[in-house]
Amino acid sequence: MSRILAFIGALAVTTVLGSTVALAQPQGPGYYAATPVEAPVKTSMITRDTVWKFRDGAFTAAKAPEREMVLCQLVAQRVGKLQSFTVAGQAFDAATLDTCNAKAK
């Protein structure tokens, strides 16, 4: 019986901690922001499984399973060189953005 209670207690702690971590990370449509150098022709696009919408001068998307660099490069391939790329409020530095823009169309 005590093993079952210990398991239930551990499960409850894991659930609470897991929820806290999930809430700390932005998951909404603005998790990623890609600001193109030139105005885009289209105001929406899809990269693999990620839907991007153009608003307020940047393409934004919800969190996706791909690595950040891969997402940046996929956007740059479709819309051209990016002025900036932000993940959860953290902008890519100049060197990282240059690596991303190497894939620009």
Protein backbone atom coordinates (compact mmCIF):
# COMPACT_ATOMS: atom_id res chain seq x y z
CA MET A 1 0.00 0.00 0.00
CA SER A 2 2.80 2.43 0.83
CA ARG A 3 4.40 1.79 -2.55
CA ILE A 4 1.18 2.73 -4.27
CA LEU A 5 0.91 5.93 -2.24
CA ALA A 6 4.55 6.78 -2.99
CA PHE A 7 3.93 6.22 -6.69
CA ILE A 8 0.80 8.41 -6.66
CA GLY A 9 2.70 11.12 -4.79
CA ALA A 10 5.59 11.01 -7.26
CA LEU A 11 3.15 11.11 -10.15
CA ALA A 12 1.41 14.15 -8.67
CA VAL A 13 4.72 15.99 -8.20
CA THR A 14 5.80 15.15 -11.75
CA THR A 15 2.48 16.37 -13.12
CA VAL A 16 2.66 19.64 -11.20
CA LEU A 17 6.30 20.27 -12.18
CA GLY A 18 5.60 19.33 -15.79
CA SER A 19 2.70 21.79 -15.89
CA THR A 20 4.87 24.53 -14.42
CA VAL A 21 7.54 24.00 -17.06
CA ALA A 22 4.96 23.97 -19.85
CA LEU A 23 3.45 27.23 -18.61
CA ALA A 24 6.84 28.93 -18.42
CA GLN A 25 7.45 28.52 -22.17
CA PRO A 26 5.32 30.55 -24.57
CA GLN A 27 3.36 28.17 -26.79
CA GLY A 28 1.09 30.56 -28.67
CA PRO A 29 1.27 31.86 -32.21
CA GLY A 30 4.15 34.20 -31.41
CA TYR A 31 6.70 31.66 -30.18
CA TYR A 32 8.73 32.27 -33.35
CA ALA A 33 8.98 35.59 -35.22
CA ALA A 34 10.74 36.00 -38.56
CA THR A 35 11.08 39.53 -39.92
CA PRO A 36 11.83 39.57 -43.65
CA VAL A 37 14.02 42.28 -45.19
CA GLU A 38 11.51 42.80 -48.01
CA ALA A 39 7.73 42.87 -47.70
CA PRO A 40 6.28 39.44 -48.48
CA VAL A 41 3.94 38.73 -51.38
CA LYS A 42 1.87 36.25 -49.35
CA THR A 43 0.70 36.76 -45.77
CA SER A 44 0.72 33.09 -44.78
CA MET A 45 2.81 30.02 -45.50
CA ILE A 46 3.54 26.53 -44.22
CA THR A 47 7.01 25.13 -43.60
CA ARG A 48 6.73 21.37 -43.17
CA ASP A 49 4.01 21.28 -40.48
CA THR A 50 4.37 24.84 -39.16
CA VAL A 51 1.84 27.52 -40.11
CA TRP A 52 3.24 31.06 -40.33
CA LYS A 53 1.08 34.21 -40.44
CA PHE A 54 2.38 37.67 -41.34
CA ARG A 55 1.33 40.35 -38.84
CA ASP A 56 2.90 43.55 -37.63
CA GLY A 57 5.88 43.22 -39.98
CA ALA A 58 6.85 39.62 -39.09
CA PHE A 59 5.84 36.06 -39.76
CA THR A 60 4.86 34.37 -36.49
CA ALA A 61 4.24 30.75 -35.59
CA ALA A 62 3.51 28.53 -32.62
CA LYS A 63 6.19 26.25 -31.19
CA ALA A 64 7.18 23.48 -33.59
CA PRO A 65 9.14 20.22 -33.28
CA GLU A 66 11.94 21.31 -35.65
CA ARG A 67 15.18 22.90 -34.46
CA GLU A 68 15.17 26.69 -34.46
CA MET A 69 17.86 26.95 -37.15
CA VAL A 70 15.94 24.61 -39.44
CA LEU A 71 12.79 26.70 -39.05
CA CYS A 72 14.71 29.91 -39.71
CA GLN A 73 16.26 28.44 -42.86
CA LEU A 74 12.90 27.14 -44.10
CA VAL A 75 11.37 30.61 -43.73
CA ALA A 76 14.38 32.26 -45.42
CA GLN A 77 14.06 29.82 -48.34
CA ARG A 78 10.48 30.93 -48.89
CA VAL A 79 10.52 34.67 -48.18
CA GLY A 80 14.15 35.66 -48.70
CA LYS A 81 16.69 37.20 -46.37
CA LEU A 82 15.55 37.82 -42.80
CA GLN A 83 16.23 40.96 -40.81
CA SER A 84 15.70 39.03 -37.57
CA PHE A 85 14.55 35.68 -36.19
CA THR A 86 13.29 35.36 -32.63
CA VAL A 87 12.58 32.25 -30.56
CA ALA A 88 10.53 32.70 -27.38
CA GLY A 89 11.57 36.36 -27.23
CA GLN A 90 15.31 35.67 -27.79
CA ALA A 91 16.66 37.03 -31.07
CA PHE A 92 19.31 35.18 -33.06
CA ASP A 93 22.69 36.92 -32.87
CA ALA A 94 24.26 38.27 -36.09
CA ALA A 95 26.38 35.17 -36.79
CA THR A 96 23.48 32.78 -36.29
CA LEU A 97 21.20 34.92 -38.44
CA ASP A 98 23.88 34.95 -41.18
CA THR A 99 23.94 31.14 -41.10
CA CYS A 100 20.15 31.13 -41.45
CA ASN A 101 20.19 33.67 -44.28
CA ALA A 102 22.68 31.55 -46.24
CA LYS A 103 19.62 29.49 -47.27
CA ALA A 104 17.63 32.53 -48.42
CA LYS A 105 16.20 32.46 -51.93
